[in-house]
Amino acid sequence: MPALSEPILAALRACFGATAPTDGEPLGGGLSGTPLVTVNHGGRRYVVRHVDGARPFDAPAQQIACLTAAAEAGVAPPVRWADPASGVVVMDYIAPAEGRGWLRDPAGIARVAALFRRLHGGPAFAPFIAVADALPTMLARLTDLGVAPPPLREAAPAFPAIAAALARHAEPRPCHHDANPGNLLFDGERLWLVDWELAGAGDPFYDLGTLCVYAYPGPEERALLLASYLERPPTPAERARLAVATAQALAFYAVVFATIATLRPGAAPGPFPAEEDVPTLIGAQSLAPARGDAPDPARMGAVLAWELARVVRSDAHREALALL
């Protein structure tokens, strides 16, 4: 059992006093690598998260402020201790229900929509990441290094029009900005959002678009998600807004996974796969890994990049932009 770091031990002493636990178990996370451990105290289990500033997008004060506000709104697990100076948070452990069938049935889609409606209507978050600004910067880095995937180079000219169309309907709300199914925990009764690295004020439709990328690739699922979120039939402009926000989410994650696949230590990327050798988003059955299972960045990046290229080529995309 690995020893706990001094910042974590100090947080546990502050939270639990003289009876604070002194050991714990590592808890698997996603691609961010933020240290997570579970500890036991008084017959209950807790998660300790240490945002130490060592990774991209680490901003302890921002993340803890958003997490705490979301917990107070009943969207994130209850927070028992949080210290922005050290970046350590102690929160309740949520035991996930078995399987992931709850995610895609109609009741599950309605539950997910209600969770994000509650988040977006909750306490304000400070601005953090601006996807429209981050995209060209991140892609330029790949281009300068000569490793930008062909479908991203093809799609890049569409990025300004996507950003402009969404900006015309801007209504900043508290957003999670990483709404993949690995960050959704269902305990059998309630749904919770975890991992708040990218949280900040933003476009609520971007969160919905991310859900469409990772969890709801089919048109019927997307239509149900939007109607459930709005609690009424969407207008043509709202359907268009979701479609364009989904394209922006596709672009962001395609660039993120391309960056991870090519620039992480020890990476040895081969030739980028041809479009005909990569499944569509609907065909990629493993896009929603179980909590704690990180997807293969090269495979995910290829799926998302080619899906994005197909989207920006389509008449449906041009029609959606015209409505906005």
Protein backbone atom coordinates (compact mmCIF):
# COMPACT_ATOMS: atom_id res chain seq x y z
CA MET A 1 0.00 0.00 0.00
CA PRO A 2 1.71 3.25 -1.10
CA ALA A 3 2.36 5.96 1.48
CA LEU A 4 0.14 9.02 1.36
CA SER A 5 1.78 12.33 0.51
CA GLU A 6 2.24 14.93 3.22
CA PRO A 7 -0.33 17.34 1.66
CA ILE A 8 -2.92 14.55 1.70
CA LEU A 9 -2.05 13.54 5.27
CA ALA A 10 -2.34 17.17 6.37
CA ALA A 11 -5.76 17.48 4.73
CA LEU A 12 -6.95 14.28 6.41
CA ARG A 13 -5.80 15.57 9.80
CA ALA A 14 -7.62 18.84 9.20
CA CYS A 15 -10.77 16.99 8.13
CA PHE A 16 -10.89 14.15 10.67
CA GLY A 17 -8.66 15.28 13.53
CA ALA A 18 -6.68 12.88 15.69
CA THR A 19 -8.41 9.81 14.25
CA ALA A 20 -7.48 10.67 10.65
CA PRO A 21 -6.50 7.70 8.48
CA THR A 22 -2.83 7.42 7.55
CA ASP A 23 -3.10 5.04 4.62
CA GLY A 24 -5.32 4.58 1.60
CA GLU A 25 -5.80 2.82 -1.71
CA PRO A 26 -5.09 4.35 -5.13
CA LEU A 27 -8.22 4.99 -7.20
CA GLY A 28 -7.95 4.72 -10.95
CA GLY A 29 -8.76 7.84 -12.92
CA GLY A 30 -8.85 8.92 -16.54
CA LEU A 31 -6.18 10.51 -18.68
CA SER A 32 -5.50 13.55 -16.50
CA GLY A 33 -3.38 11.64 -13.99
CA THR A 34 -4.59 13.66 -11.00
CA PRO A 35 -3.72 11.63 -7.86
CA LEU A 36 -6.78 9.98 -6.32
CA VAL A 37 -6.90 7.76 -3.25
CA THR A 38 -9.67 6.30 -1.14
CA VAL A 39 -9.53 6.24 2.64
CA ASN A 40 -11.76 4.80 5.33
CA HIS A 41 -12.87 6.62 8.45
CA GLY A 42 -15.67 5.90 10.89
CA GLY A 43 -17.02 3.09 8.74
CA ARG A 44 -17.31 5.31 5.66
CA ARG A 45 -15.21 5.61 2.53
CA TYR A 46 -13.90 8.89 1.13
CA VAL A 47 -12.03 10.01 -1.97
CA VAL A 48 -9.05 12.32 -1.65
CA ARG A 49 -8.04 14.27 -4.75
CA HIS A 50 -4.78 16.21 -4.97
CA VAL A 51 -4.70 18.91 -7.64
CA ASP A 52 -1.00 19.72 -7.40
CA GLY A 53 -0.58 21.87 -10.52
CA ALA A 54 1.69 19.37 -12.26
CA ARG A 55 -0.56 18.66 -15.26
CA PRO A 56 -2.09 20.68 -18.09
CA PHE A 57 -5.22 22.56 -16.99
CA ASP A 58 -4.38 22.08 -13.28
CA ALA A 59 -5.69 25.16 -11.48
CA PRO A 60 -6.40 24.16 -7.86
CA ALA A 61 -8.34 27.26 -6.82
CA GLN A 62 -10.58 27.18 -9.91
CA GLN A 63 -11.22 23.45 -9.74
CA ILE A 64 -11.97 23.43 -6.03
CA ALA A 65 -14.28 26.46 -6.29
CA CYS A 66 -16.30 24.80 -9.05
CA LEU A 67 -16.36 21.41 -7.33
CA THR A 68 -17.49 22.92 -4.05
CA ALA A 69 -20.26 24.94 -5.71
CA ALA A 70 -21.40 21.87 -7.66
CA ALA A 71 -21.44 19.79 -4.49
CA GLU A 72 -23.56 22.40 -2.73
CA ALA A 73 -25.96 22.23 -5.68
CA GLY A 74 -26.18 18.43 -5.36
CA VAL A 75 -24.43 17.81 -8.68
CA ALA A 76 -21.03 16.63 -7.37
CA PRO A 77 -20.39 14.32 -4.40
CA PRO A 78 -20.45 16.06 -1.01
CA VAL A 79 -17.16 17.78 -0.14
CA ARG A 80 -15.89 17.26 3.43
CA TRP A 81 -12.68 19.29 3.21
CA ALA A 82 -11.13 21.50 0.55
CA ASP A 83 -7.94 23.55 0.63
CA PRO A 84 -7.15 25.58 -2.50
CA ALA A 85 -3.64 26.34 -1.20
CA SER A 86 -2.59 22.68 -1.17
CA GLY A 87 -5.04 21.55 -3.84
CA VAL A 88 -6.40 18.71 -1.70
CA VAL A 89 -10.10 17.84 -1.55
CA VAL A 90 -11.79 15.19 0.59
CA MET A 91 -15.20 14.08 -0.64
CA ASP A 92 -17.65 11.23 -0.22
CA TYR A 93 -16.95 8.07 -2.16
CA ILE A 94 -19.77 7.16 -4.56
CA ALA A 95 -20.07 3.42 -5.15
CA PRO A 96 -21.06 3.04 -8.82
CA ALA A 97 -23.89 0.75 -9.85
CA GLU A 98 -22.96 -2.28 -11.92
CA GLY A 99 -22.94 -1.90 -15.69
CA ARG A 100 -23.66 1.11 -17.86
CA GLY A 101 -27.06 0.23 -19.26
CA TRP A 102 -28.54 3.15 -17.32
CA LEU A 103 -26.72 5.62 -19.56
CA ARG A 104 -28.54 5.09 -22.85
CA ASP A 105 -32.09 4.03 -22.05
CA PRO A 106 -34.75 6.79 -22.15
CA ALA A 107 -34.89 7.10 -18.36
CA GLY A 108 -31.11 7.37 -18.20
CA ILE A 109 -30.97 10.03 -20.90
CA ALA A 110 -33.61 12.03 -19.03
CA ARG A 111 -31.62 11.63 -15.81
CA VAL A 112 -28.42 12.87 -17.47
CA ALA A 113 -30.28 15.83 -19.00
CA ALA A 114 -31.73 16.77 -15.61
CA LEU A 115 -28.29 16.65 -13.99
CA PHE A 116 -26.83 19.08 -16.52
CA ARG A 117 -29.88 21.32 -16.36
CA ARG A 118 -29.32 21.53 -12.61
CA LEU A 119 -25.62 22.29 -13.08
CA HIS A 120 -26.26 24.97 -15.69
CA GLY A 121 -28.86 26.62 -13.49
CA GLY A 122 -26.67 26.57 -10.40
CA PRO A 123 -24.15 28.95 -8.80
CA ALA A 124 -21.96 30.86 -11.24
CA PHE A 125 -18.44 29.67 -12.08
CA ALA A 126 -15.51 31.91 -12.99
CA PRO A 127 -14.31 31.63 -16.61
CA PHE A 128 -11.51 29.14 -17.22
CA ILE A 129 -10.96 27.40 -20.53
CA ALA A 130 -12.31 28.93 -23.75
CA VAL A 131 -12.60 26.08 -26.22
CA ALA A 132 -12.75 28.38 -29.24
CA ASP A 133 -9.42 29.95 -28.22
CA ALA A 134 -7.73 26.72 -27.15
CA LEU A 135 -8.46 24.83 -30.37
CA PRO A 136 -6.31 26.79 -32.84
CA THR A 137 -3.47 27.07 -30.32
CA MET A 138 -3.40 23.33 -29.66
CA LEU A 139 -3.68 22.45 -33.35
CA ALA A 140 -0.93 24.94 -34.24
CA ARG A 141 1.41 23.11 -31.88
CA LEU A 142 0.74 19.82 -33.64
CA THR A 143 1.16 21.49 -37.03
CA ASP A 144 4.47 23.09 -36.05
CA LEU A 145 5.75 19.68 -34.99
CA GLY A 146 4.56 18.10 -38.23
CA VAL A 147 2.17 15.68 -36.52
CA ALA A 148 -1.26 17.28 -37.11
CA PRO A 149 -3.56 14.51 -38.40
CA PRO A 150 -4.85 14.99 -41.98
CA PRO A 151 -8.56 15.12 -41.00
CA LEU A 152 -7.83 17.87 -38.48
CA ARG A 153 -5.96 19.89 -41.08
CA GLU A 154 -8.96 19.41 -43.38
CA ALA A 155 -11.45 20.52 -40.73
CA ALA A 156 -9.46 23.43 -39.27
CA PRO A 157 -10.79 26.09 -41.71
CA ALA A 158 -14.29 25.42 -40.29
CA PHE A 159 -13.30 26.26 -36.70
CA PRO A 160 -13.83 30.07 -36.91
CA ALA A 161 -17.33 29.72 -38.36
CA ILE A 162 -18.25 27.21 -35.65
CA ALA A 163 -16.96 29.52 -32.93
CA ALA A 164 -18.71 32.56 -34.39
CA ALA A 165 -22.06 30.77 -34.72
CA LEU A 166 -21.97 29.61 -31.10
CA ALA A 167 -20.79 33.01 -29.85
CA ARG A 168 -23.88 34.65 -31.35
CA HIS A 169 -25.96 32.63 -28.90
CA ALA A 170 -23.58 32.89 -25.95
CA GLU A 171 -25.18 32.65 -22.51
CA PRO A 172 -22.40 31.75 -20.05
CA ARG A 173 -23.45 29.23 -17.45
CA PRO A 174 -21.57 27.01 -14.99
CA CYS A 175 -20.20 24.19 -17.15
CA HIS A 176 -18.26 20.98 -16.56
CA HIS A 177 -16.48 21.03 -19.96
CA ASP A 178 -15.57 17.32 -19.84
CA ALA A 179 -18.92 15.54 -19.88
CA ASN A 180 -17.71 12.10 -20.87
CA PRO A 181 -19.39 9.05 -19.32
CA GLY A 182 -16.31 8.26 -17.23
CA ASN A 183 -17.11 11.42 -15.27
CA LEU A 184 -20.70 10.36 -14.60
CA LEU A 185 -21.30 8.16 -11.57
CA PHE A 186 -24.66 6.49 -10.99
CA ASP A 187 -25.14 4.97 -7.54
CA GLY A 188 -28.35 3.18 -8.47
CA GLU A 189 -30.54 6.08 -7.40
CA ARG A 190 -28.70 9.34 -8.11
CA LEU A 191 -26.34 10.59 -10.76
CA TRP A 192 -23.20 12.55 -9.90
CA LEU A 193 -20.56 14.47 -11.86
CA VAL A 194 -16.88 14.12 -10.95
CA ASP A 195 -13.50 15.36 -12.25
CA TRP A 196 -13.83 19.14 -12.52
CA GLU A 197 -10.44 19.99 -14.12
CA LEU A 198 -11.94 22.00 -16.97
CA ALA A 199 -14.95 23.48 -15.18
CA GLY A 200 -15.79 27.14 -15.60
CA ALA A 201 -18.28 29.54 -17.12
CA GLY A 202 -19.14 28.50 -20.66
CA ASP A 203 -21.75 27.49 -23.21
CA PRO A 204 -24.15 24.92 -21.74
CA PHE A 205 -24.65 23.47 -25.21
CA TYR A 206 -20.97 22.54 -25.24
CA ASP A 207 -21.60 20.17 -22.31
CA LEU A 208 -24.52 18.68 -24.24
CA GLY A 209 -22.34 18.43 -27.34
CA THR A 210 -19.70 16.53 -25.39
CA LEU A 211 -22.38 14.09 -24.24
CA CYS A 212 -23.36 13.63 -27.88
CA VAL A 213 -19.75 12.83 -28.79
CA TYR A 214 -19.14 10.30 -26.06
CA ALA A 215 -22.49 8.84 -25.06
CA TYR A 216 -25.17 9.67 -27.63
CA PRO A 217 -23.88 9.35 -31.20
CA GLY A 218 -27.28 8.48 -32.70
CA PRO A 219 -29.83 11.08 -33.87
CA GLU A 220 -32.67 9.65 -31.78
CA GLU A 221 -30.59 9.74 -28.59
CA ARG A 222 -29.48 13.30 -29.29
CA ALA A 223 -33.03 14.43 -29.95
CA LEU A 224 -34.20 12.90 -26.67
CA LEU A 225 -31.28 14.45 -24.77
CA LEU A 226 -32.09 17.94 -26.04
CA ALA A 227 -35.84 17.67 -25.50
CA SER A 228 -35.29 16.28 -21.99
CA TYR A 229 -32.83 19.05 -21.17
CA LEU A 230 -35.16 21.81 -22.38
CA GLU A 231 -38.26 20.07 -20.98
CA ARG A 232 -40.05 20.89 -24.23
CA PRO A 233 -39.67 20.28 -27.97
CA PRO A 234 -36.58 22.13 -29.25
CA THR A 235 -36.77 24.79 -31.92
CA PRO A 236 -34.89 24.34 -35.22
CA ALA A 237 -32.32 26.88 -33.99
CA GLU A 238 -31.76 24.90 -30.78
CA ARG A 239 -31.28 21.69 -32.74
CA ALA A 240 -28.78 23.52 -34.94
CA ARG A 241 -27.00 24.90 -31.90
CA LEU A 242 -26.57 21.41 -30.47
CA ALA A 243 -25.25 20.12 -33.79
CA VAL A 244 -22.68 22.91 -34.04
CA ALA A 245 -21.68 22.57 -30.37
CA THR A 246 -21.19 18.84 -30.97
CA ALA A 247 -18.87 19.67 -33.87
CA GLN A 248 -16.86 21.95 -31.59
CA ALA A 249 -16.63 19.22 -28.94
CA LEU A 250 -15.52 16.75 -31.62
CA ALA A 251 -12.79 19.18 -32.66
CA PHE A 252 -11.57 19.80 -29.13
CA TYR A 253 -11.32 16.14 -28.19
CA ALA A 254 -9.83 15.14 -31.53
CA VAL A 255 -7.03 17.65 -30.92
CA VAL A 256 -6.64 16.59 -27.28
CA PHE A 257 -6.31 12.91 -28.13
CA ALA A 258 -3.99 13.63 -31.05
CA THR A 259 -1.79 15.60 -28.67
CA ILE A 260 -1.74 12.82 -26.09
CA ALA A 261 -1.10 10.12 -28.70
CA THR A 262 1.82 11.92 -30.33
CA LEU A 263 3.46 13.98 -27.59
CA ARG A 264 3.21 11.91 -24.40
CA PRO A 265 6.50 10.47 -23.11
CA GLY A 266 7.43 7.31 -24.97
CA ALA A 267 4.90 7.86 -27.75
CA ALA A 268 5.87 6.34 -31.07
CA PRO A 269 2.95 7.11 -33.39
CA GLY A 270 2.81 5.38 -36.72
CA PRO A 271 1.09 6.61 -39.89
CA PHE A 272 -2.32 8.14 -39.25
CA PRO A 273 -5.03 5.67 -40.33
CA ALA A 274 -7.00 6.29 -43.51
CA GLU A 275 -10.66 7.25 -43.21
CA GLU A 276 -11.88 3.92 -44.55
CA ASP A 277 -9.93 2.08 -41.84
CA VAL A 278 -11.54 3.94 -38.93
CA PRO A 279 -15.06 3.28 -37.58
CA THR A 280 -17.64 6.02 -37.44
CA LEU A 281 -18.61 7.47 -34.10
CA ILE A 282 -21.69 5.25 -33.98
CA GLY A 283 -19.61 2.24 -34.97
CA ALA A 284 -16.97 2.77 -32.29
CA GLN A 285 -18.50 0.74 -29.50
CA SER A 286 -15.84 1.47 -26.85
CA LEU A 287 -16.04 5.27 -26.78
CA ALA A 288 -17.61 5.21 -23.32
CA PRO A 289 -15.12 3.32 -21.13
CA ALA A 290 -16.01 2.27 -17.64
CA ARG A 291 -15.00 4.58 -14.84
CA GLY A 292 -11.25 4.27 -14.31
CA ASP A 293 -10.50 2.82 -17.77
CA ALA A 294 -8.61 5.26 -19.98
CA PRO A 295 -9.34 4.93 -23.73
CA ASP A 296 -6.55 4.38 -26.23
CA PRO A 297 -5.61 7.92 -27.31
CA ALA A 298 -4.50 6.99 -30.83
CA ARG A 299 -7.68 5.07 -31.60
CA MET A 300 -9.94 7.67 -30.00
CA GLY A 301 -8.17 10.49 -31.78
CA ALA A 302 -8.57 8.83 -35.16
CA VAL A 303 -12.27 8.13 -34.64
CA LEU A 304 -12.99 11.69 -33.54
CA ALA A 305 -10.84 13.37 -36.18
CA TRP A 306 -12.40 11.53 -39.10
CA GLU A 307 -15.89 12.00 -37.65
CA LEU A 308 -15.20 15.74 -37.47
CA ALA A 309 -14.03 15.82 -41.08
CA ARG A 310 -17.23 14.07 -42.18
CA VAL A 311 -19.35 16.50 -40.18
CA VAL A 312 -17.82 19.70 -41.58
CA ARG A 313 -18.12 18.33 -45.14
CA SER A 314 -21.83 17.66 -44.71
CA ASP A 315 -24.80 19.64 -45.94
CA ALA A 316 -26.37 19.20 -42.50
CA HIS A 317 -23.49 21.13 -40.92
CA ARG A 318 -23.79 23.98 -43.39
CA GLU A 319 -27.53 24.13 -42.81
CA ALA A 320 -27.04 24.23 -39.03
CA LEU A 321 -24.58 27.12 -39.33
CA ALA A 322 -27.04 28.99 -41.54
CA LEU A 323 -29.71 28.76 -38.83
CA LEU A 324 -27.40 30.39 -36.30
